[in-house]
Amino acid sequence: MRSRNVRRLCAALVSLLSVAVLLSGNGVAVADDGPPLHTPVDVLDAAVKCDPSATDRKTVVLVPGTFSEATEVWSWNYRRALPAAGFAVCTVRLPGRSVTSIYHAADYMVYAIRKARDLSRQKVSVIGHSQGGSHPLWAMKFWPDVRAAVDDYIGLAPGVNGTQLGNILCAVGACADITWQVGFGSTYLDRLHQGGLPPGVSYTNVWTQLDEIVFPQPAASNIPGGSNVSVQSICPGRIVEHMAIIADSVAYALAMDALTHPGPADPRRIGNRLALCATPFLPRIDLTGLVGFLGGGAAGAVDWLTRPLTTSEPPLPDYAR
């Protein structure tokens, strides 16, 4: 009898431990952590900056695009507007101005979402610009705890399906790793979309008809099953291109709609459109930061031009094969 009771007690303890492993924060599953990260933790931690007030607050992870540092992209716009709207913010600095292979940057993306989740102790949202819109998708696809930690994904002119620009630049037969990966039909993109994007996440894609980097639109950014909204569908004739979309008031209104409602952005909820369309920029913008961002692509371009050129796309990592 005593041995039977001991066995029952052990079984109960094992069950409790299993539940504890499966849950973190407000029910975020972390039982299956996915592939190991290979970048040293101190390097990853230094690349992720979170508000000190992120503890127990709804948090948004901001992801920069190609050629850019997180501060250059976000410090003058969403990094100012979101805290004023009640959200905590984490930013992630991707390696090599996000010009390195997406597989290398994955460690940083995974770590950023985990850090934001652990600080906020609840599910987080992610906003990515340009190529920064593809990094969270890869992380969510292959790291189950990351997927379970995200409620809203919001892409601003995201390279979800690639860009013809990548194909053009690689047509000479040699280009940087990242350029191979973002071209239509790349092995990376085929694997990303194999079986569909991760379920359980609300997907919002905000795009512009005047995108000169991620094109052709809407095919380049379209998210099957997501909310795909062009800036011009809210404000016809709106002049906003790929870079300036992160300063645009309409894009911000759609992002806020997604963040403040269950599910993705719904353009039918965007009211007072006359006033919105008459307002060019999002709240609390620092216009000097916008000018610096639009004129500061040279550093990223130099980094891209000095990257070793390869004659083929990087192979898939073992965990994705």
C-alpha atoms as a PDB file:
ATOM      1  CA  MET A   1       0.000   0.000   0.000  1.00  0.00           C
ATOM      2  CA  ARG A   2       2.794   2.390   0.948  1.00  0.00           C
ATOM      3  CA  SER A   3       4.701   1.700  -2.302  1.00  0.00           C
ATOM      4  CA  ARG A   4       1.506   2.267  -4.297  1.00  0.00           C
ATOM      5  CA  ASN A   5       0.991   5.632  -2.596  1.00  0.00           C
ATOM      6  CA  VAL A   6       4.605   6.577  -3.260  1.00  0.00           C
ATOM      7  CA  ARG A   7       4.160   5.756  -6.945  1.00  0.00           C
ATOM      8  CA  ARG A   8       0.989   7.859  -7.072  1.00  0.00           C
ATOM      9  CA  LEU A   9       2.762  10.760  -5.391  1.00  0.00           C
ATOM     10  CA  CYS A  10       5.661  10.528  -7.845  1.00  0.00           C
ATOM     11  CA  ALA A  11       3.241  10.443 -10.769  1.00  0.00           C
ATOM     12  CA  ALA A  12       1.485  13.536  -9.443  1.00  0.00           C
ATOM     13  CA  LEU A  13       4.776  15.376  -9.046  1.00  0.00           C
ATOM     14  CA  VAL A  14       5.783  14.471 -12.596  1.00  0.00           C
ATOM     15  CA  SER A  15       2.466  15.831 -13.870  1.00  0.00           C
ATOM     16  CA  LEU A  16       2.924  19.084 -11.974  1.00  0.00           C
ATOM     17  CA  LEU A  17       6.462  19.459 -13.287  1.00  0.00           C
ATOM     18  CA  SER A  18       5.241  18.832 -16.833  1.00  0.00           C
ATOM     19  CA  VAL A  19       2.665  21.605 -16.464  1.00  0.00           C
ATOM     20  CA  ALA A  20       5.318  23.923 -15.073  1.00  0.00           C
ATOM     21  CA  VAL A  21       7.569  23.248 -18.052  1.00  0.00           C
ATOM     22  CA  LEU A  22       4.707  23.747 -20.487  1.00  0.00           C
ATOM     23  CA  LEU A  23       3.695  27.109 -19.090  1.00  0.00           C
ATOM     24  CA  SER A  24       5.544  30.346 -18.694  1.00  0.00           C
ATOM     25  CA  GLY A  25       4.094  33.737 -17.859  1.00  0.00           C
ATOM     26  CA  ASN A  26       0.408  33.848 -18.810  1.00  0.00           C
ATOM     27  CA  GLY A  27       0.187  30.413 -20.347  1.00  0.00           C
ATOM     28  CA  VAL A  28       2.883  30.758 -23.001  1.00  0.00           C
ATOM     29  CA  ALA A  29       4.057  27.290 -23.977  1.00  0.00           C
ATOM     30  CA  VAL A  30       7.774  26.719 -23.795  1.00  0.00           C
ATOM     31  CA  ALA A  31       7.998  22.947 -23.638  1.00  0.00           C
ATOM     32  CA  ASP A  32       9.579  22.651 -27.081  1.00  0.00           C
ATOM     33  CA  ASP A  33      12.208  25.359 -27.408  1.00  0.00           C
ATOM     34  CA  GLY A  34      13.264  24.444 -30.915  1.00  0.00           C
ATOM     35  CA  PRO A  35      16.809  24.509 -32.298  1.00  0.00           C
ATOM     36  CA  PRO A  36      19.654  25.679 -30.029  1.00  0.00           C
ATOM     37  CA  LEU A  37      21.033  29.183 -30.472  1.00  0.00           C
ATOM     38  CA  HIS A  38      24.696  29.442 -31.429  1.00  0.00           C
ATOM     39  CA  THR A  39      25.373  33.122 -30.701  1.00  0.00           C
ATOM     40  CA  PRO A  40      26.757  33.809 -27.188  1.00  0.00           C
ATOM     41  CA  VAL A  41      24.065  34.937 -24.771  1.00  0.00           C
ATOM     42  CA  ASP A  42      25.926  38.092 -23.793  1.00  0.00           C
ATOM     43  CA  VAL A  43      26.083  39.153 -27.447  1.00  0.00           C
ATOM     44  CA  LEU A  44      22.365  38.511 -27.908  1.00  0.00           C
ATOM     45  CA  ASP A  45      21.438  40.284 -24.695  1.00  0.00           C
ATOM     46  CA  ALA A  46      23.448  43.363 -25.656  1.00  0.00           C
ATOM     47  CA  ALA A  47      21.548  43.498 -28.953  1.00  0.00           C
ATOM     48  CA  VAL A  48      18.106  43.621 -27.330  1.00  0.00           C
ATOM     49  CA  LYS A  49      17.048  46.796 -25.525  1.00  0.00           C
ATOM     50  CA  CYS A  50      13.798  46.797 -23.544  1.00  0.00           C
ATOM     51  CA  ASP A  51      12.050  49.496 -21.585  1.00  0.00           C
ATOM     52  CA  PRO A  52      12.685  49.151 -17.849  1.00  0.00           C
ATOM     53  CA  SER A  53       8.907  49.384 -17.470  1.00  0.00           C
ATOM     54  CA  ALA A  54       8.301  46.308 -19.635  1.00  0.00           C
ATOM     55  CA  THR A  55       7.647  44.106 -16.607  1.00  0.00           C
ATOM     56  CA  ASP A  56       3.986  43.055 -16.592  1.00  0.00           C
ATOM     57  CA  ARG A  57       3.154  45.427 -19.461  1.00  0.00           C
ATOM     58  CA  LYS A  58       2.028  44.722 -22.992  1.00  0.00           C
ATOM     59  CA  THR A  59       5.242  44.856 -25.021  1.00  0.00           C
ATOM     60  CA  VAL A  60       5.994  45.362 -28.714  1.00  0.00           C
ATOM     61  CA  VAL A  61       9.228  44.109 -30.315  1.00  0.00           C
ATOM     62  CA  LEU A  62      10.444  46.405 -33.119  1.00  0.00           C
ATOM     63  CA  VAL A  63      12.517  44.809 -35.885  1.00  0.00           C
ATOM     64  CA  PRO A  64      14.566  46.894 -38.372  1.00  0.00           C
ATOM     65  CA  GLY A  65      15.026  46.181 -42.071  1.00  0.00           C
ATOM     66  CA  THR A  66      18.049  45.736 -44.302  1.00  0.00           C
ATOM     67  CA  PHE A  67      20.959  48.202 -44.036  1.00  0.00           C
ATOM     68  CA  SER A  68      19.643  49.644 -40.766  1.00  0.00           C
ATOM     69  CA  GLU A  69      20.327  49.731 -37.042  1.00  0.00           C
ATOM     70  CA  ALA A  70      17.353  49.580 -34.685  1.00  0.00           C
ATOM     71  CA  THR A  71      17.943  53.092 -33.372  1.00  0.00           C
ATOM     72  CA  GLU A  72      18.065  54.539 -36.890  1.00  0.00           C
ATOM     73  CA  VAL A  73      14.752  52.943 -37.802  1.00  0.00           C
ATOM     74  CA  TRP A  74      12.675  53.224 -34.642  1.00  0.00           C
ATOM     75  CA  SER A  75      14.003  55.870 -32.241  1.00  0.00           C
ATOM     76  CA  TRP A  76      12.215  58.799 -33.914  1.00  0.00           C
ATOM     77  CA  ASN A  77       8.801  57.194 -34.556  1.00  0.00           C
ATOM     78  CA  TYR A  78       7.325  54.044 -33.007  1.00  0.00           C
ATOM     79  CA  ARG A  79       9.869  54.081 -30.189  1.00  0.00           C
ATOM     80  CA  ARG A  80       8.310  57.413 -29.132  1.00  0.00           C
ATOM     81  CA  ALA A  81       4.658  56.829 -30.049  1.00  0.00           C
ATOM     82  CA  LEU A  82       4.087  53.372 -28.563  1.00  0.00           C
ATOM     83  CA  PRO A  83       5.064  54.210 -24.952  1.00  0.00           C
ATOM     84  CA  ALA A  84       2.815  57.277 -25.144  1.00  0.00           C
ATOM     85  CA  ALA A  85       0.006  54.901 -26.169  1.00  0.00           C
ATOM     86  CA  GLY A  86       0.650  52.652 -23.148  1.00  0.00           C
ATOM     87  CA  PHE A  87       2.935  49.990 -24.630  1.00  0.00           C
ATOM     88  CA  ALA A  88       6.406  48.961 -23.541  1.00  0.00           C
ATOM     89  CA  VAL A  89       8.974  48.526 -26.303  1.00  0.00           C
ATOM     90  CA  CYS A  90      11.889  46.214 -27.045  1.00  0.00           C
ATOM     91  CA  THR A  91      14.199  46.757 -30.020  1.00  0.00           C
ATOM     92  CA  VAL A  92      16.585  44.242 -31.550  1.00  0.00           C
ATOM     93  CA  ARG A  93      19.838  45.131 -33.317  1.00  0.00           C
ATOM     94  CA  LEU A  94      20.355  42.517 -36.008  1.00  0.00           C
ATOM     95  CA  PRO A  95      23.928  41.558 -36.956  1.00  0.00           C
ATOM     96  CA  GLY A  96      25.728  43.395 -39.755  1.00  0.00           C
ATOM     97  CA  ARG A  97      22.882  45.868 -40.306  1.00  0.00           C
ATOM     98  CA  SER A  98      20.725  42.889 -41.252  1.00  0.00           C
ATOM     99  CA  VAL A  99      22.827  42.261 -44.352  1.00  0.00           C
ATOM    100  CA  THR A 100      24.068  38.866 -43.151  1.00  0.00           C
ATOM    101  CA  SER A 101      22.252  35.592 -43.765  1.00  0.00           C
ATOM    102  CA  ILE A 102      18.773  35.417 -42.302  1.00  0.00           C
ATOM    103  CA  TYR A 103      19.779  32.169 -40.591  1.00  0.00           C
ATOM    104  CA  HIS A 104      22.433  34.018 -38.593  1.00  0.00           C
ATOM    105  CA  ALA A 105      19.994  36.764 -37.623  1.00  0.00           C
ATOM    106  CA  ALA A 106      17.468  34.170 -36.408  1.00  0.00           C
ATOM    107  CA  ASP A 107      19.284  33.799 -33.067  1.00  0.00           C
ATOM    108  CA  TYR A 108      18.790  37.503 -32.382  1.00  0.00           C
ATOM    109  CA  MET A 109      15.116  37.427 -33.317  1.00  0.00           C
ATOM    110  CA  VAL A 110      14.391  34.398 -31.167  1.00  0.00           C
ATOM    111  CA  TYR A 111      16.221  35.878 -28.198  1.00  0.00           C
ATOM    112  CA  ALA A 112      14.439  39.241 -28.547  1.00  0.00           C
ATOM    113  CA  ILE A 113      10.966  37.706 -28.449  1.00  0.00           C
ATOM    114  CA  ARG A 114      11.895  35.463 -25.533  1.00  0.00           C
ATOM    115  CA  LYS A 115      13.330  38.380 -23.573  1.00  0.00           C
ATOM    116  CA  ALA A 116      10.243  40.505 -24.209  1.00  0.00           C
ATOM    117  CA  ARG A 117       7.984  37.628 -23.186  1.00  0.00           C
ATOM    118  CA  ASP A 118       9.906  36.955 -19.994  1.00  0.00           C
ATOM    119  CA  LEU A 119       9.896  40.630 -18.986  1.00  0.00           C
ATOM    120  CA  SER A 120       6.258  41.283 -19.801  1.00  0.00           C
ATOM    121  CA  ARG A 121       5.094  37.896 -18.501  1.00  0.00           C
ATOM    122  CA  GLN A 122       2.506  37.767 -21.285  1.00  0.00           C
ATOM    123  CA  LYS A 123       2.284  37.396 -25.019  1.00  0.00           C
ATOM    124  CA  VAL A 124       4.030  40.100 -27.044  1.00  0.00           C
ATOM    125  CA  SER A 125       3.528  41.713 -30.439  1.00  0.00           C
ATOM    126  CA  VAL A 126       6.106  42.282 -33.162  1.00  0.00           C
ATOM    127  CA  ILE A 127       6.350  45.058 -35.752  1.00  0.00           C
ATOM    128  CA  GLY A 128       8.860  44.588 -38.560  1.00  0.00           C
ATOM    129  CA  HIS A 129       9.787  46.918 -41.396  1.00  0.00           C
ATOM    130  CA  SER A 130      10.879  45.615 -44.796  1.00  0.00           C
ATOM    131  CA  GLN A 131      13.103  42.547 -44.361  1.00  0.00           C
ATOM    132  CA  GLY A 132      12.501  42.969 -40.636  1.00  0.00           C
ATOM    133  CA  GLY A 133       9.045  41.665 -41.396  1.00  0.00           C
ATOM    134  CA  SER A 134      10.384  38.263 -42.428  1.00  0.00           C
ATOM    135  CA  HIS A 135      12.637  37.579 -39.415  1.00  0.00           C
ATOM    136  CA  PRO A 136       9.768  37.070 -36.922  1.00  0.00           C
ATOM    137  CA  LEU A 137       8.047  34.684 -39.328  1.00  0.00           C
ATOM    138  CA  TRP A 138      11.118  32.447 -39.533  1.00  0.00           C
ATOM    139  CA  ALA A 139      11.556  32.503 -35.761  1.00  0.00           C
ATOM    140  CA  MET A 140       7.919  31.607 -35.158  1.00  0.00           C
ATOM    141  CA  LYS A 141       8.017  28.790 -37.686  1.00  0.00           C
ATOM    142  CA  PHE A 142      10.914  26.858 -36.165  1.00  0.00           C
ATOM    143  CA  TRP A 143      10.833  27.822 -32.464  1.00  0.00           C
ATOM    144  CA  PRO A 144       7.497  26.706 -30.980  1.00  0.00           C
ATOM    145  CA  ASP A 145       7.866  28.731 -27.776  1.00  0.00           C
ATOM    146  CA  VAL A 146       8.462  31.868 -29.857  1.00  0.00           C
ATOM    147  CA  ARG A 147       5.330  31.196 -31.881  1.00  0.00           C
ATOM    148  CA  ALA A 148       3.350  30.696 -28.660  1.00  0.00           C
ATOM    149  CA  ALA A 149       4.736  33.967 -27.277  1.00  0.00           C
ATOM    150  CA  VAL A 150       3.385  36.183 -30.086  1.00  0.00           C
ATOM    151  CA  ASP A 151      -0.185  37.368 -30.476  1.00  0.00           C
ATOM    152  CA  ASP A 152       0.117  40.068 -33.170  1.00  0.00           C
ATOM    153  CA  TYR A 153       2.491  40.183 -36.112  1.00  0.00           C
ATOM    154  CA  ILE A 154       2.504  43.506 -37.972  1.00  0.00           C
ATOM    155  CA  GLY A 155       4.577  44.042 -41.104  1.00  0.00           C
ATOM    156  CA  LEU A 156       5.199  47.494 -42.561  1.00  0.00           C
ATOM    157  CA  ALA A 157       6.027  46.932 -46.245  1.00  0.00           C
ATOM    158  CA  PRO A 158       7.341  43.511 -45.197  1.00  0.00           C
ATOM    159  CA  GLY A 159       9.344  41.249 -47.456  1.00  0.00           C
ATOM    160  CA  VAL A 160       7.082  38.316 -46.684  1.00  0.00           C
ATOM    161  CA  ASN A 161       7.314  36.765 -50.140  1.00  0.00           C
ATOM    162  CA  GLY A 162      10.541  38.379 -51.319  1.00  0.00           C
ATOM    163  CA  THR A 163      11.263  41.146 -53.798  1.00  0.00           C
ATOM    164  CA  GLN A 164      12.090  41.240 -57.480  1.00  0.00           C
ATOM    165  CA  LEU A 165      14.946  43.550 -56.512  1.00  0.00           C
ATOM    166  CA  GLY A 166      16.805  40.523 -55.143  1.00  0.00           C
ATOM    167  CA  ASN A 167      16.433  38.678 -58.430  1.00  0.00           C
ATOM    168  CA  ILE A 168      17.642  41.717 -60.360  1.00  0.00           C
ATOM    169  CA  LEU A 169      20.722  42.219 -58.185  1.00  0.00           C
ATOM    170  CA  CYS A 170      21.669  38.529 -58.354  1.00  0.00           C
ATOM    171  CA  ALA A 171      21.156  38.274 -62.102  1.00  0.00           C
ATOM    172  CA  VAL A 172      24.899  38.816 -62.638  1.00  0.00           C
ATOM    173  CA  GLY A 173      25.522  35.488 -60.892  1.00  0.00           C
ATOM    174  CA  ALA A 174      27.114  36.736 -57.658  1.00  0.00           C
ATOM    175  CA  CYS A 175      25.624  38.706 -54.778  1.00  0.00           C
ATOM    176  CA  ALA A 176      25.461  38.839 -50.989  1.00  0.00           C
ATOM    177  CA  ASP A 177      23.848  35.960 -49.087  1.00  0.00           C
ATOM    178  CA  ILE A 178      20.889  38.052 -47.985  1.00  0.00           C
ATOM    179  CA  THR A 179      20.220  39.159 -51.565  1.00  0.00           C
ATOM    180  CA  TRP A 180      19.917  35.553 -52.715  1.00  0.00           C
ATOM    181  CA  GLN A 181      17.515  34.869 -49.860  1.00  0.00           C
ATOM    182  CA  VAL A 182      15.112  37.747 -50.527  1.00  0.00           C
ATOM    183  CA  GLY A 183      14.711  37.035 -54.246  1.00  0.00           C
ATOM    184  CA  PHE A 184      11.488  35.446 -55.445  1.00  0.00           C
ATOM    185  CA  GLY A 185      11.737  31.655 -55.542  1.00  0.00           C
ATOM    186  CA  SER A 186      14.621  31.410 -53.059  1.00  0.00           C
ATOM    187  CA  THR A 187      15.062  28.244 -51.016  1.00  0.00           C
ATOM    188  CA  TYR A 188      14.646  30.339 -47.873  1.00  0.00           C
ATOM    189  CA  LEU A 189      11.266  31.709 -48.943  1.00  0.00           C
ATOM    190  CA  ASP A 190      10.054  28.342 -50.220  1.00  0.00           C
ATOM    191  CA  ARG A 191      10.841  26.775 -46.845  1.00  0.00           C
ATOM    192  CA  LEU A 192       9.314  29.673 -44.919  1.00  0.00           C
ATOM    193  CA  HIS A 193       5.972  29.229 -46.677  1.00  0.00           C
ATOM    194  CA  GLN A 194       6.004  25.436 -46.850  1.00  0.00           C
ATOM    195  CA  GLY A 195       2.926  24.288 -44.954  1.00  0.00           C
ATOM    196  CA  GLY A 196       1.774  27.857 -44.407  1.00  0.00           C
ATOM    197  CA  LEU A 197       2.716  30.400 -41.790  1.00  0.00           C
ATOM    198  CA  PRO A 198       2.483  29.447 -38.099  1.00  0.00           C
ATOM    199  CA  PRO A 199      -1.112  29.319 -36.801  1.00  0.00           C
ATOM    200  CA  GLY A 200      -2.347  31.047 -33.665  1.00  0.00           C
ATOM    201  CA  VAL A 201      -0.935  34.484 -34.580  1.00  0.00           C
ATOM    202  CA  SER A 202      -2.867  37.481 -35.933  1.00  0.00           C
ATOM    203  CA  TYR A 203      -1.171  38.707 -39.132  1.00  0.00           C
ATOM    204  CA  THR A 204      -1.355  42.273 -40.429  1.00  0.00           C
ATOM    205  CA  ASN A 205       0.443  43.492 -43.547  1.00  0.00           C
ATOM    206  CA  VAL A 206       0.454  47.232 -44.266  1.00  0.00           C
ATOM    207  CA  TRP A 207       1.809  47.960 -47.731  1.00  0.00           C
ATOM    208  CA  THR A 208       2.047  50.816 -50.209  1.00  0.00           C
ATOM    209  CA  GLN A 209       1.416  50.874 -53.929  1.00  0.00           C
ATOM    210  CA  LEU A 210       4.515  53.069 -54.321  1.00  0.00           C
ATOM    211  CA  ASP A 211       6.999  50.563 -52.871  1.00  0.00           C
ATOM    212  CA  GLU A 212      10.262  50.784 -54.797  1.00  0.00           C
ATOM    213  CA  ILE A 213      12.185  48.236 -52.681  1.00  0.00           C
ATOM    214  CA  VAL A 214       9.793  45.368 -51.955  1.00  0.00           C
ATOM    215  CA  PHE A 215       7.967  44.817 -55.249  1.00  0.00           C
ATOM    216  CA  PRO A 216       5.844  44.009 -57.131  1.00  0.00           C
ATOM    217  CA  GLN A 217       3.048  44.810 -54.761  1.00  0.00           C
ATOM    218  CA  PRO A 218       0.757  43.452 -53.471  1.00  0.00           C
ATOM    219  CA  ALA A 219       2.317  40.054 -54.258  1.00  0.00           C
ATOM    220  CA  ALA A 220       5.593  40.798 -52.459  1.00  0.00           C
ATOM    221  CA  SER A 221       4.018  41.474 -49.047  1.00  0.00           C
ATOM    222  CA  ASN A 222       0.734  39.562 -49.219  1.00  0.00           C
ATOM    223  CA  ILE A 223       0.076  37.281 -46.243  1.00  0.00           C
ATOM    224  CA  PRO A 224      -2.396  34.485 -47.072  1.00  0.00           C
ATOM    225  CA  GLY A 225      -5.144  34.514 -44.468  1.00  0.00           C
ATOM    226  CA  GLY A 226      -3.909  37.757 -42.929  1.00  0.00           C
ATOM    227  CA  SER A 227      -5.189  41.319 -43.068  1.00  0.00           C
ATOM    228  CA  ASN A 228      -3.499  42.920 -46.085  1.00  0.00           C
ATOM    229  CA  VAL A 229      -4.203  46.641 -46.247  1.00  0.00           C
ATOM    230  CA  SER A 230      -2.620  49.235 -48.505  1.00  0.00           C
ATOM    231  CA  VAL A 231      -2.132  52.772 -47.242  1.00  0.00           C
ATOM    232  CA  GLN A 232      -3.883  53.990 -50.399  1.00  0.00           C
ATOM    233  CA  SER A 233      -7.009  51.933 -49.634  1.00  0.00           C
ATOM    234  CA  ILE A 234      -7.517  54.207 -46.630  1.00  0.00           C
ATOM    235  CA  CYS A 235      -6.307  57.428 -48.259  1.00  0.00           C
ATOM    236  CA  PRO A 236      -6.529  57.239 -52.073  1.00  0.00           C
ATOM    237  CA  GLY A 237      -3.581  58.891 -53.784  1.00  0.00           C
ATOM    238  CA  ARG A 238      -1.489  58.868 -50.619  1.00  0.00           C
ATOM    239  CA  ILE A 239       2.180  59.401 -51.481  1.00  0.00           C
ATOM    240  CA  VAL A 240       4.273  57.139 -49.265  1.00  0.00           C
ATOM    241  CA  GLU A 241       7.095  54.876 -50.387  1.00  0.00           C
ATOM    242  CA  HIS A 242       8.969  51.994 -48.798  1.00  0.00           C
ATOM    243  CA  MET A 243      11.133  53.928 -46.341  1.00  0.00           C
ATOM    244  CA  ALA A 244       8.619  56.579 -45.302  1.00  0.00           C
ATOM    245  CA  ILE A 245       5.934  54.059 -44.399  1.00  0.00           C
ATOM    246  CA  ILE A 246       7.370  53.876 -40.870  1.00  0.00           C
ATOM    247  CA  ALA A 247       6.592  57.600 -40.487  1.00  0.00           C
ATOM    248  CA  ASP A 248       3.114  57.429 -41.977  1.00  0.00           C
ATOM    249  CA  SER A 249       0.017  58.157 -39.898  1.00  0.00           C
ATOM    250  CA  VAL A 250      -2.169  55.680 -41.811  1.00  0.00           C
ATOM    251  CA  ALA A 251       0.275  52.797 -41.325  1.00  0.00           C
ATOM    252  CA  TYR A 252       0.465  53.677 -37.630  1.00  0.00           C
ATOM    253  CA  ALA A 253      -3.336  53.790 -37.314  1.00  0.00           C
ATOM    254  CA  LEU A 254      -3.575  50.292 -38.797  1.00  0.00           C
ATOM    255  CA  ALA A 255      -0.814  49.017 -36.510  1.00  0.00           C
ATOM    256  CA  MET A 256      -2.576  50.488 -33.486  1.00  0.00           C
ATOM    257  CA  ASP A 257      -5.869  48.945 -34.568  1.00  0.00           C
ATOM    258  CA  ALA A 258      -4.210  45.527 -34.601  1.00  0.00           C
ATOM    259  CA  LEU A 259      -2.536  46.110 -31.234  1.00  0.00           C
ATOM    260  CA  THR A 260      -5.701  47.275 -29.486  1.00  0.00           C
ATOM    261  CA  HIS A 261      -8.203  44.724 -30.822  1.00  0.00           C
ATOM    262  CA  PRO A 262      -8.357  40.937 -30.948  1.00  0.00           C
ATOM    263  CA  GLY A 263      -7.178  39.655 -34.297  1.00  0.00           C
ATOM    264  CA  PRO A 264      -5.459  41.594 -37.076  1.00  0.00           C
ATOM    265  CA  ALA A 265      -6.112  45.147 -38.223  1.00  0.00           C
ATOM    266  CA  ASP A 266      -9.566  45.784 -39.659  1.00  0.00           C
ATOM    267  CA  PRO A 267      -9.711  48.813 -41.980  1.00  0.00           C
ATOM    268  CA  ARG A 268     -13.431  49.133 -41.301  1.00  0.00           C
ATOM    269  CA  ARG A 269     -12.562  50.308 -37.794  1.00  0.00           C
ATOM    270  CA  ILE A 270     -10.439  53.203 -39.078  1.00  0.00           C
ATOM    271  CA  GLY A 271     -12.665  56.228 -38.511  1.00  0.00           C
ATOM    272  CA  ASN A 272     -12.360  59.978 -39.135  1.00  0.00           C
ATOM    273  CA  ARG A 273     -10.455  59.292 -42.339  1.00  0.00           C
ATOM    274  CA  LEU A 274     -10.584  62.896 -43.508  1.00  0.00           C
ATOM    275  CA  ALA A 275      -8.517  63.999 -40.515  1.00  0.00           C
ATOM    276  CA  LEU A 276      -6.250  60.962 -40.744  1.00  0.00           C
ATOM    277  CA  CYS A 277      -5.508  61.514 -44.420  1.00  0.00           C
ATOM    278  CA  ALA A 278      -4.777  65.185 -43.727  1.00  0.00           C
ATOM    279  CA  THR A 279      -2.178  64.149 -41.128  1.00  0.00           C
ATOM    280  CA  PRO A 280       1.043  62.959 -42.778  1.00  0.00           C
ATOM    281  CA  PHE A 281       2.916  61.571 -39.776  1.00  0.00           C
ATOM    282  CA  LEU A 282       2.313  59.372 -36.751  1.00  0.00           C
ATOM    283  CA  PRO A 283       2.109  60.978 -33.261  1.00  0.00           C
ATOM    284  CA  ARG A 284       5.208  62.264 -31.456  1.00  0.00           C
ATOM    285  CA  ILE A 285       7.454  61.935 -34.498  1.00  0.00           C
ATOM    286  CA  ASP A 286      10.898  63.538 -34.472  1.00  0.00           C
ATOM    287  CA  LEU A 287      11.203  64.933 -37.985  1.00  0.00           C
ATOM    288  CA  THR A 288      14.965  65.332 -37.706  1.00  0.00           C
ATOM    289  CA  GLY A 289      15.135  61.580 -37.174  1.00  0.00           C
ATOM    290  CA  LEU A 290      13.064  61.026 -40.311  1.00  0.00           C
ATOM    291  CA  VAL A 291      15.397  63.222 -42.361  1.00  0.00           C
ATOM    292  CA  GLY A 292      18.433  61.399 -40.971  1.00  0.00           C
ATOM    293  CA  PHE A 293      16.882  58.019 -41.713  1.00  0.00           C
ATOM    294  CA  LEU A 294      15.949  58.862 -45.292  1.00  0.00           C
ATOM    295  CA  GLY A 295      19.414  60.255 -45.938  1.00  0.00           C
ATOM    296  CA  GLY A 296      21.393  57.716 -43.958  1.00  0.00           C
ATOM    297  CA  GLY A 297      21.267  54.675 -46.181  1.00  0.00           C
ATOM    298  CA  ALA A 298      24.891  55.118 -47.235  1.00  0.00           C
ATOM    299  CA  ALA A 299      26.359  53.291 -44.220  1.00  0.00           C
ATOM    300  CA  GLY A 300      24.158  50.269 -44.829  1.00  0.00           C
ATOM    301  CA  ALA A 301      24.816  50.306 -48.528  1.00  0.00           C
ATOM    302  CA  VAL A 302      28.573  50.334 -47.925  1.00  0.00           C
ATOM    303  CA  ASP A 303      28.178  47.386 -45.552  1.00  0.00           C
ATOM    304  CA  TRP A 304      26.200  45.512 -48.190  1.00  0.00           C
ATOM    305  CA  LEU A 305      28.656  46.310 -50.976  1.00  0.00           C
ATOM    306  CA  THR A 306      31.609  45.108 -48.904  1.00  0.00           C
ATOM    307  CA  ARG A 307      30.015  41.775 -48.011  1.00  0.00           C
ATOM    308  CA  PRO A 308      31.614  38.746 -49.678  1.00  0.00           C
ATOM    309  CA  LEU A 309      29.728  37.844 -52.833  1.00  0.00           C
ATOM    310  CA  THR A 310      28.639  34.262 -53.338  1.00  0.00           C
ATOM    311  CA  THR A 311      27.455  32.458 -56.436  1.00  0.00           C
ATOM    312  CA  SER A 312      24.586  30.620 -54.780  1.00  0.00           C
ATOM    313  CA  GLU A 313      22.137  30.919 -51.921  1.00  0.00           C
ATOM    314  CA  PRO A 314      23.243  29.739 -48.444  1.00  0.00           C
ATOM    315  CA  PRO A 315      22.011  26.203 -47.709  1.00  0.00           C
ATOM    316  CA  LEU A 316      19.173  25.684 -45.294  1.00  0.00           C
ATOM    317  CA  PRO A 317      20.219  25.047 -41.694  1.00  0.00           C
ATOM    318  CA  ASP A 318      19.859  21.455 -40.545  1.00  0.00           C
ATOM    319  CA  TYR A 319      16.814  22.226 -38.396  1.00  0.00           C
ATOM    320  CA  ALA A 320      14.869  23.476 -41.455  1.00  0.00           C
ATOM    321  CA  ARG A 321      15.563  20.530 -43.756  1.00  0.00           C
END
